[in-house]
Amino acid sequence: MHKYTQLNRNPFIFIIVFSAVISLSAQFSLAEDIKGWEINSKYNSYYNYKELDSLKGILKKFKKVTPLPGMATGTALILEEGDEDILVHLCPQSFADAKETGLRRGVKTKVKGSWAFIDDRDVFIASKIKQGEHFEFKVRLTKDGKPFWTMTPDELAKERATK
């Protein structure tokens, strides 16, 4: 009887250990997907929520970017403002790629965010992108600049519900 009980426990132990390994590997995978985009990263320190600016133009195209060496790939867009093309950083690609943003090329676009000087170039780090009266893609809190990709699922759900 003792052996029977011990054999019965082994599948449960296996399942528990296997679940823990999967959970940890998912967390490490997520950490790698936003590497360099974390809330206390050098890159995030470039965003100044106290000095917000707005841009208006036409969304010309999307672009993949690596803002600083060693960072995970990010999603950006080129905003055509008059005769000037402005590089706008949105978020890590693992948070949203071009298609997942819901933004459309060739459409009048308003972007709110903060200017930064990165790698000898002026870039605009977005907090909110609007197209038309009813569509917006938010990536940071206005009150403190907290990136949405660093929020817990509950925080993110709450923020998205308060549009």
N, C-alpha and C. Protein backbone atom coordinates (compact mmCIF):
# COMPACT_ATOMS: atom_id res chain seq x y z
N MET A 1 0.81 -1.19 0.00
CA MET A 1 0.00 0.00 0.00
C MET A 1 0.86 1.26 0.00
N HIS A 2 1.96 1.21 0.73
CA HIS A 2 2.85 2.36 0.77
C HIS A 2 3.41 2.67 -0.62
N LYS A 3 3.82 1.63 -1.36
CA LYS A 3 4.35 1.82 -2.71
C LYS A 3 3.28 2.39 -3.64
N TYR A 4 2.06 1.92 -3.50
CA TYR A 4 0.97 2.40 -4.35
C TYR A 4 0.75 3.91 -4.15
N THR A 5 0.77 4.38 -2.91
CA THR A 5 0.59 5.79 -2.61
C THR A 5 1.75 6.61 -3.16
N GLN A 6 2.96 6.09 -3.00
CA GLN A 6 4.14 6.80 -3.49
C GLN A 6 4.09 6.93 -5.02
N LEU A 7 3.68 5.88 -5.72
CA LEU A 7 3.58 5.95 -7.17
C LEU A 7 2.48 6.91 -7.60
N ASN A 8 1.42 6.96 -6.82
CA ASN A 8 0.33 7.88 -7.13
C ASN A 8 0.76 9.33 -7.02
N ARG A 9 1.66 9.64 -6.10
CA ARG A 9 2.11 11.02 -5.90
C ARG A 9 3.04 11.48 -7.03
N ASN A 10 3.80 10.58 -7.59
CA ASN A 10 4.78 10.97 -8.60
C ASN A 10 4.19 11.74 -9.78
N PRO A 11 3.05 11.34 -10.33
CA PRO A 11 2.49 12.14 -11.43
C PRO A 11 2.15 13.56 -10.98
N PHE A 12 1.67 13.70 -9.77
CA PHE A 12 1.33 15.04 -9.27
C PHE A 12 2.57 15.89 -9.08
N ILE A 13 3.62 15.28 -8.58
CA ILE A 13 4.88 16.01 -8.41
C ILE A 13 5.41 16.43 -9.78
N PHE A 14 5.34 15.51 -10.74
CA PHE A 14 5.79 15.82 -12.09
C PHE A 14 5.00 17.00 -12.65
N ILE A 15 3.69 16.98 -12.49
CA ILE A 15 2.84 18.05 -13.02
C ILE A 15 3.18 19.38 -12.36
N ILE A 16 3.39 19.39 -11.06
CA ILE A 16 3.72 20.62 -10.35
C ILE A 16 5.06 21.17 -10.82
N VAL A 17 6.07 20.32 -10.90
CA VAL A 17 7.40 20.75 -11.34
C VAL A 17 7.34 21.24 -12.79
N PHE A 18 6.65 20.51 -13.65
CA PHE A 18 6.53 20.88 -15.05
C PHE A 18 5.85 22.24 -15.18
N SER A 19 4.78 22.46 -14.44
CA SER A 19 4.06 23.74 -14.48
C SER A 19 4.96 24.89 -14.03
N ALA A 20 5.75 24.66 -12.98
CA ALA A 20 6.65 25.69 -12.48
C ALA A 20 7.70 26.05 -13.54
N VAL A 21 8.24 25.05 -14.20
CA VAL A 21 9.26 25.29 -15.23
C VAL A 21 8.66 26.09 -16.39
N ILE A 22 7.47 25.73 -16.83
CA ILE A 22 6.80 26.45 -17.91
C ILE A 22 6.54 27.89 -17.50
N SER A 23 6.05 28.10 -16.29
CA SER A 23 5.76 29.44 -15.80
C SER A 23 7.02 30.30 -15.76
N LEU A 24 8.10 29.75 -15.23
CA LEU A 24 9.35 30.50 -15.15
C LEU A 24 9.91 30.80 -16.53
N SER A 25 9.82 29.85 -17.45
CA SER A 25 10.36 30.10 -18.79
C SER A 25 9.53 31.17 -19.50
N ALA A 26 8.22 31.22 -19.23
CA ALA A 26 7.39 32.27 -19.83
C ALA A 26 7.78 33.63 -19.27
N GLN A 27 8.08 33.71 -17.98
CA GLN A 27 8.49 34.98 -17.38
C GLN A 27 9.82 35.43 -17.95
N PHE A 28 10.77 34.51 -18.11
CA PHE A 28 12.07 34.88 -18.68
C PHE A 28 11.91 35.28 -20.14
N SER A 29 11.02 34.62 -20.86
CA SER A 29 10.77 34.97 -22.25
C SER A 29 10.20 36.37 -22.35
N LEU A 30 9.24 36.71 -21.49
CA LEU A 30 8.66 38.05 -21.49
C LEU A 30 9.72 39.08 -21.15
N ALA A 31 10.57 38.78 -20.16
CA ALA A 31 11.64 39.71 -19.79
C ALA A 31 12.57 39.96 -20.97
N GLU A 32 12.88 38.94 -21.73
CA GLU A 32 13.75 39.09 -22.90
C GLU A 32 13.05 39.91 -23.98
N ASP A 33 11.74 39.75 -24.12
CA ASP A 33 10.98 40.45 -25.15
C ASP A 33 10.91 41.95 -24.91
N ILE A 34 11.08 42.40 -23.66
CA ILE A 34 11.06 43.84 -23.39
C ILE A 34 12.43 44.32 -22.86
N LYS A 35 13.44 43.54 -23.10
CA LYS A 35 14.78 43.89 -22.61
C LYS A 35 15.15 45.32 -23.05
N GLY A 36 15.47 46.15 -22.06
CA GLY A 36 15.84 47.54 -22.34
C GLY A 36 14.65 48.49 -22.31
N TRP A 37 13.44 47.96 -22.30
CA TRP A 37 12.22 48.77 -22.28
C TRP A 37 11.60 48.82 -20.89
N GLU A 38 12.25 48.25 -19.89
CA GLU A 38 11.71 48.19 -18.54
C GLU A 38 11.53 49.59 -17.96
N ILE A 39 10.75 49.67 -16.90
CA ILE A 39 10.41 50.97 -16.32
C ILE A 39 11.64 51.70 -15.77
N ASN A 40 12.63 51.00 -15.27
CA ASN A 40 13.84 51.63 -14.71
C ASN A 40 15.02 51.61 -15.68
N SER A 41 14.75 51.39 -16.96
CA SER A 41 15.83 51.29 -17.95
C SER A 41 16.34 52.67 -18.36
N LYS A 42 17.52 52.67 -18.97
CA LYS A 42 18.09 53.91 -19.51
C LYS A 42 17.14 54.51 -20.54
N TYR A 43 16.60 53.66 -21.41
CA TYR A 43 15.70 54.14 -22.45
C TYR A 43 14.49 54.86 -21.84
N ASN A 44 13.87 54.25 -20.84
CA ASN A 44 12.67 54.86 -20.24
C ASN A 44 12.98 56.19 -19.58
N SER A 45 14.23 56.38 -19.15
CA SER A 45 14.59 57.66 -18.52
C SER A 45 14.58 58.82 -19.52
N TYR A 46 14.60 58.52 -20.81
CA TYR A 46 14.53 59.56 -21.83
C TYR A 46 13.12 60.17 -21.92
N TYR A 47 12.12 59.41 -21.50
CA TYR A 47 10.74 59.89 -21.58
C TYR A 47 10.47 60.83 -20.41
N ASN A 48 10.04 62.07 -20.72
CA ASN A 48 9.77 63.07 -19.68
C ASN A 48 8.28 63.42 -19.71
N TYR A 49 7.52 62.82 -18.80
CA TYR A 49 6.08 63.06 -18.78
C TYR A 49 5.71 64.49 -18.37
N LYS A 50 6.67 65.21 -17.83
CA LYS A 50 6.41 66.61 -17.43
C LYS A 50 6.54 67.58 -18.60
N GLU A 51 7.12 67.12 -19.70
CA GLU A 51 7.29 67.96 -20.89
C GLU A 51 6.68 67.28 -22.11
N LEU A 52 5.36 67.19 -22.11
CA LEU A 52 4.66 66.54 -23.22
C LEU A 52 4.45 67.51 -24.37
N ASP A 53 4.44 66.96 -25.56
CA ASP A 53 4.24 67.73 -26.78
C ASP A 53 3.27 66.95 -27.65
N SER A 54 2.69 67.60 -28.63
CA SER A 54 1.78 66.94 -29.57
C SER A 54 2.24 67.20 -30.99
N LEU A 55 2.08 66.19 -31.81
CA LEU A 55 2.41 66.29 -33.24
C LEU A 55 1.18 65.92 -34.04
N LYS A 56 1.04 66.52 -35.22
CA LYS A 56 -0.03 66.16 -36.14
C LYS A 56 0.58 65.95 -37.51
N GLY A 57 0.13 64.89 -38.16
CA GLY A 57 0.63 64.61 -39.49
C GLY A 57 -0.04 63.38 -40.07
N ILE A 58 0.61 62.84 -41.08
CA ILE A 58 0.12 61.63 -41.75
C ILE A 58 1.05 60.48 -41.39
N LEU A 59 0.46 59.36 -40.96
CA LEU A 59 1.26 58.17 -40.68
C LEU A 59 1.77 57.64 -42.02
N LYS A 60 3.07 57.77 -42.23
CA LYS A 60 3.67 57.41 -43.51
C LYS A 60 3.96 55.90 -43.58
N LYS A 61 4.62 55.37 -42.53
CA LYS A 61 4.93 53.94 -42.53
C LYS A 61 5.35 53.51 -41.12
N PHE A 62 5.40 52.21 -40.94
CA PHE A 62 5.88 51.63 -39.69
C PHE A 62 7.32 51.18 -39.86
N LYS A 63 8.01 51.07 -38.75
CA LYS A 63 9.41 50.70 -38.77
C LYS A 63 9.75 49.90 -37.52
N LYS A 64 10.65 48.95 -37.63
CA LYS A 64 11.18 48.25 -36.46
C LYS A 64 12.42 49.01 -36.00
N VAL A 65 12.55 49.20 -34.69
CA VAL A 65 13.69 49.95 -34.16
C VAL A 65 14.33 49.22 -32.97
N THR A 66 15.60 49.48 -32.79
CA THR A 66 16.32 49.08 -31.58
C THR A 66 16.93 50.37 -31.06
N PRO A 67 16.22 51.07 -30.15
CA PRO A 67 16.64 52.40 -29.73
C PRO A 67 18.05 52.49 -29.15
N LEU A 68 18.44 51.50 -28.36
CA LEU A 68 19.77 51.45 -27.77
C LEU A 68 20.34 50.05 -27.96
N PRO A 69 21.65 49.91 -28.04
CA PRO A 69 22.25 48.58 -28.21
C PRO A 69 21.79 47.61 -27.11
N GLY A 70 21.44 46.40 -27.53
CA GLY A 70 21.04 45.36 -26.58
C GLY A 70 19.56 45.34 -26.25
N MET A 71 18.81 46.33 -26.72
CA MET A 71 17.37 46.37 -26.45
C MET A 71 16.63 45.40 -27.36
N ALA A 72 15.46 44.96 -26.89
CA ALA A 72 14.57 44.18 -27.74
C ALA A 72 14.03 45.09 -28.84
N THR A 73 13.65 44.49 -29.95
CA THR A 73 13.12 45.25 -31.08
C THR A 73 11.82 45.96 -30.69
N GLY A 74 11.66 47.17 -31.19
CA GLY A 74 10.47 47.94 -30.90
C GLY A 74 9.70 48.29 -32.16
N THR A 75 8.48 48.75 -31.96
CA THR A 75 7.62 49.21 -33.04
C THR A 75 7.66 50.74 -33.05
N ALA A 76 7.86 51.30 -34.23
CA ALA A 76 7.89 52.75 -34.39
C ALA A 76 7.11 53.10 -35.65
N LEU A 77 6.87 54.38 -35.81
CA LEU A 77 6.23 54.84 -37.04
C LEU A 77 6.94 56.10 -37.51
N ILE A 78 6.77 56.38 -38.78
CA ILE A 78 7.26 57.63 -39.36
C ILE A 78 6.04 58.51 -39.58
N LEU A 79 6.04 59.67 -38.93
CA LEU A 79 4.97 60.64 -39.07
C LEU A 79 5.44 61.75 -39.99
N GLU A 80 4.70 61.97 -41.06
CA GLU A 80 5.01 63.04 -42.00
C GLU A 80 4.29 64.30 -41.53
N GLU A 81 5.08 65.24 -41.02
CA GLU A 81 4.54 66.51 -40.53
C GLU A 81 5.06 67.61 -41.45
N GLY A 82 4.18 68.04 -42.37
CA GLY A 82 4.63 69.00 -43.38
C GLY A 82 5.63 68.33 -44.30
N ASP A 83 6.82 68.92 -44.39
CA ASP A 83 7.87 68.32 -45.23
C ASP A 83 8.90 67.57 -44.40
N GLU A 84 8.59 67.31 -43.14
CA GLU A 84 9.52 66.63 -42.23
C GLU A 84 9.00 65.25 -41.84
N ASP A 85 9.89 64.26 -41.83
CA ASP A 85 9.56 62.92 -41.34
C ASP A 85 10.10 62.77 -39.92
N ILE A 86 9.21 62.40 -38.99
CA ILE A 86 9.58 62.28 -37.58
C ILE A 86 9.47 60.83 -37.15
N LEU A 87 10.53 60.31 -36.55
CA LEU A 87 10.54 58.95 -36.02
C LEU A 87 9.85 58.96 -34.66
N VAL A 88 8.80 58.14 -34.53
CA VAL A 88 8.02 58.06 -33.30
C VAL A 88 8.13 56.64 -32.74
N HIS A 89 8.73 56.51 -31.55
CA HIS A 89 8.82 55.21 -30.89
C HIS A 89 7.50 54.92 -30.18
N LEU A 90 6.99 53.71 -30.36
CA LEU A 90 5.73 53.33 -29.74
C LEU A 90 5.92 52.41 -28.53
N CYS A 91 6.50 51.22 -28.76
CA CYS A 91 6.54 50.20 -27.71
C CYS A 91 7.42 49.03 -28.16
N PRO A 92 7.70 48.10 -27.24
CA PRO A 92 8.39 46.88 -27.67
C PRO A 92 7.50 46.12 -28.65
N GLN A 93 8.11 45.48 -29.61
CA GLN A 93 7.35 44.73 -30.61
C GLN A 93 6.54 43.60 -29.96
N SER A 94 7.03 43.06 -28.85
CA SER A 94 6.30 42.00 -28.16
C SER A 94 5.01 42.51 -27.54
N PHE A 95 4.91 43.81 -27.28
CA PHE A 95 3.68 44.40 -26.76
C PHE A 95 2.69 44.65 -27.89
N ALA A 96 3.18 45.20 -29.00
CA ALA A 96 2.33 45.42 -30.18
C ALA A 96 3.20 45.64 -31.41
N ASP A 97 2.95 44.85 -32.45
CA ASP A 97 3.62 45.12 -33.72
C ASP A 97 2.75 46.10 -34.51
N ALA A 98 3.17 46.44 -35.70
CA ALA A 98 2.45 47.45 -36.50
C ALA A 98 0.97 47.10 -36.67
N LYS A 99 0.68 45.87 -37.02
CA LYS A 99 -0.70 45.46 -37.25
C LYS A 99 -1.52 45.51 -35.96
N GLU A 100 -0.92 45.10 -34.84
CA GLU A 100 -1.64 45.05 -33.56
C GLU A 100 -1.96 46.43 -32.99
N THR A 101 -1.30 47.48 -33.48
CA THR A 101 -1.62 48.82 -33.00
C THR A 101 -2.99 49.28 -33.47
N GLY A 102 -3.44 48.75 -34.59
CA GLY A 102 -4.72 49.18 -35.17
C GLY A 102 -4.61 50.48 -35.94
N LEU A 103 -3.42 51.06 -35.99
CA LEU A 103 -3.19 52.32 -36.71
C LEU A 103 -3.07 52.04 -38.20
N ARG A 104 -3.51 53.03 -39.01
CA ARG A 104 -3.50 52.85 -40.46
C ARG A 104 -2.60 53.87 -41.13
N ARG A 105 -1.83 53.39 -42.11
CA ARG A 105 -0.98 54.28 -42.90
C ARG A 105 -1.84 55.19 -43.77
N GLY A 106 -1.30 56.40 -44.02
CA GLY A 106 -1.98 57.33 -44.90
C GLY A 106 -3.11 58.11 -44.24
N VAL A 107 -3.25 57.98 -42.93
CA VAL A 107 -4.35 58.62 -42.20
C VAL A 107 -3.81 59.75 -41.33
N LYS A 108 -4.59 60.85 -41.22
CA LYS A 108 -4.22 61.94 -40.31
C LYS A 108 -4.08 61.36 -38.90
N THR A 109 -2.99 61.73 -38.25
CA THR A 109 -2.65 61.14 -36.96
C THR A 109 -2.16 62.20 -36.01
N LYS A 110 -2.62 62.12 -34.76
CA LYS A 110 -2.14 63.01 -33.72
C LYS A 110 -1.41 62.15 -32.68
N VAL A 111 -0.20 62.59 -32.34
CA VAL A 111 0.63 61.83 -31.39
C VAL A 111 0.98 62.73 -30.22
N LYS A 112 0.77 62.21 -29.02
CA LYS A 112 1.16 62.92 -27.80
C LYS A 112 2.31 62.14 -27.19
N GLY A 113 3.33 62.87 -26.71
CA GLY A 113 4.48 62.19 -26.12
C GLY A 113 5.57 63.17 -25.74
N SER A 114 6.79 62.69 -25.74
CA SER A 114 7.93 63.46 -25.26
C SER A 114 9.11 63.34 -26.24
N TRP A 115 9.79 64.45 -26.47
CA TRP A 115 10.98 64.44 -27.32
C TRP A 115 12.17 63.87 -26.55
N ALA A 116 13.04 63.18 -27.28
CA ALA A 116 14.28 62.66 -26.70
C ALA A 116 15.38 62.74 -27.75
N PHE A 117 16.60 62.80 -27.28
CA PHE A 117 17.77 62.79 -28.17
C PHE A 117 18.50 61.48 -27.92
N ILE A 118 18.35 60.55 -28.86
CA ILE A 118 18.91 59.20 -28.70
C ILE A 118 19.79 58.89 -29.91
N ASP A 119 21.01 58.46 -29.64
CA ASP A 119 21.93 58.05 -30.71
C ASP A 119 22.09 59.18 -31.74
N ASP A 120 22.34 60.40 -31.24
CA ASP A 120 22.57 61.58 -32.07
C ASP A 120 21.39 61.93 -32.98
N ARG A 121 20.18 61.61 -32.52
CA ARG A 121 19.01 61.87 -33.35
C ARG A 121 17.81 62.24 -32.46
N ASP A 122 17.05 63.23 -32.90
CA ASP A 122 15.80 63.55 -32.21
C ASP A 122 14.76 62.50 -32.55
N VAL A 123 14.13 61.96 -31.51
CA VAL A 123 13.03 61.01 -31.69
C VAL A 123 11.90 61.45 -30.78
N PHE A 124 10.72 61.00 -31.10
CA PHE A 124 9.54 61.31 -30.31
C PHE A 124 9.08 60.01 -29.68
N ILE A 125 8.97 59.98 -28.36
CA ILE A 125 8.51 58.78 -27.65
C ILE A 125 7.04 58.99 -27.33
N ALA A 126 6.20 58.16 -27.92
CA ALA A 126 4.75 58.34 -27.83
C ALA A 126 4.17 57.88 -26.50
N SER A 127 3.08 58.55 -26.12
CA SER A 127 2.26 58.07 -25.01
C SER A 127 0.86 57.70 -25.52
N LYS A 128 0.38 58.45 -26.53
CA LYS A 128 -0.94 58.20 -27.08
C LYS A 128 -0.97 58.61 -28.55
N ILE A 129 -1.59 57.78 -29.37
CA ILE A 129 -1.71 58.06 -30.80
C ILE A 129 -3.20 58.00 -31.14
N LYS A 130 -3.69 59.06 -31.78
CA LYS A 130 -5.10 59.11 -32.15
C LYS A 130 -5.24 59.23 -33.67
N GLN A 131 -6.24 58.52 -34.19
CA GLN A 131 -6.63 58.65 -35.59
C GLN A 131 -8.13 58.84 -35.62
N GLY A 132 -8.57 59.95 -36.17
CA GLY A 132 -10.00 60.24 -36.19
C GLY A 132 -10.51 60.59 -34.80
N GLU A 133 -11.81 60.63 -34.67
CA GLU A 133 -12.42 61.00 -33.40
C GLU A 133 -12.54 59.85 -32.41
N HIS A 134 -12.51 58.62 -32.91
CA HIS A 134 -12.87 57.49 -32.05
C HIS A 134 -11.80 56.43 -31.85
N PHE A 135 -10.63 56.60 -32.46
CA PHE A 135 -9.62 55.55 -32.30
C PHE A 135 -8.35 56.11 -31.68
N GLU A 136 -7.89 55.43 -30.63
CA GLU A 136 -6.60 55.80 -30.05
C GLU A 136 -5.87 54.54 -29.60
N PHE A 137 -4.55 54.65 -29.64
CA PHE A 137 -3.68 53.58 -29.18
C PHE A 137 -2.79 54.19 -28.10
N LYS A 138 -3.02 53.78 -26.84
CA LYS A 138 -2.26 54.33 -25.72
C LYS A 138 -1.16 53.35 -25.32
N VAL A 139 0.02 53.90 -25.01
CA VAL A 139 1.13 53.05 -24.59
C VAL A 139 1.76 53.49 -23.26
N ARG A 140 1.35 54.66 -22.76
CA ARG A 140 1.88 55.16 -21.48
C ARG A 140 0.79 55.93 -20.75
N LEU A 141 0.89 55.94 -19.42
CA LEU A 141 0.01 56.78 -18.62
C LEU A 141 0.43 58.23 -18.78
N THR A 142 -0.53 59.12 -18.90
CA THR A 142 -0.23 60.55 -19.02
C THR A 142 0.29 61.11 -17.70
N LYS A 143 -0.26 60.65 -16.58
CA LYS A 143 0.07 61.24 -15.27
C LYS A 143 1.52 61.01 -14.84
N ASP A 144 2.12 59.88 -15.24
CA ASP A 144 3.50 59.61 -14.80
C ASP A 144 4.37 58.92 -15.84
N GLY A 145 3.83 58.65 -17.02
CA GLY A 145 4.61 58.05 -18.10
C GLY A 145 4.84 56.56 -17.98
N LYS A 146 4.15 55.90 -17.06
CA LYS A 146 4.35 54.46 -16.89
C LYS A 146 3.98 53.71 -18.17
N PRO A 147 4.92 52.92 -18.71
CA PRO A 147 4.64 52.16 -19.93
C PRO A 147 3.61 51.06 -19.69
N PHE A 148 2.68 50.90 -20.61
CA PHE A 148 1.65 49.87 -20.48
C PHE A 148 2.25 48.47 -20.44
N TRP A 149 3.35 48.24 -21.13
CA TRP A 149 3.94 46.90 -21.19
C TRP A 149 4.59 46.50 -19.87
N THR A 150 4.70 47.42 -18.91
CA THR A 150 5.25 47.08 -17.59
C THR A 150 4.15 46.87 -16.56
N MET A 151 2.90 47.04 -16.97
CA MET A 151 1.77 46.89 -16.05
C MET A 151 1.40 45.43 -15.86
N THR A 152 0.77 45.15 -14.73
CA THR A 152 0.21 43.82 -14.51
C THR A 152 -1.01 43.68 -15.42
N PRO A 153 -1.44 42.46 -15.69
CA PRO A 153 -2.64 42.29 -16.51
C PRO A 153 -3.86 43.02 -15.93
N ASP A 154 -4.00 43.05 -14.60
CA ASP A 154 -5.13 43.76 -13.98
C ASP A 154 -5.03 45.26 -14.20
N GLU A 155 -3.83 45.83 -14.02
CA GLU A 155 -3.63 47.27 -14.24
C GLU A 155 -3.93 47.64 -15.70
N LEU A 156 -3.46 46.81 -16.61
CA LEU A 156 -3.66 47.07 -18.03
C LEU A 156 -5.14 47.00 -18.39
N ALA A 157 -5.84 46.00 -17.88
CA ALA A 157 -7.26 45.86 -18.16
C ALA A 157 -8.04 47.07 -17.62
N LYS A 158 -7.67 47.51 -16.42
CA LYS A 158 -8.34 48.67 -15.82
C LYS A 158 -8.10 49.92 -16.66
N GLU A 159 -6.87 50.12 -17.11
CA GLU A 159 -6.53 51.30 -17.91
C GLU A 159 -7.25 51.28 -19.25
N ARG A 160 -7.32 50.13 -19.87
CA ARG A 160 -7.99 50.03 -21.17
C ARG A 160 -9.50 50.18 -21.05
N ALA A 161 -10.04 49.88 -19.89
CA ALA A 161 -11.49 50.02 -19.68
C ALA A 161 -11.89 51.47 -19.44
N THR A 162 -10.94 52.34 -19.11
CA THR A 162 -11.25 53.74 -18.80
C THR A 162 -11.01 54.66 -19.98
N LYS A 163 -11.29 54.22 -21.17
CA LYS A 163 -11.12 55.07 -22.36
C LYS A 163 -12.13 56.17 -22.37
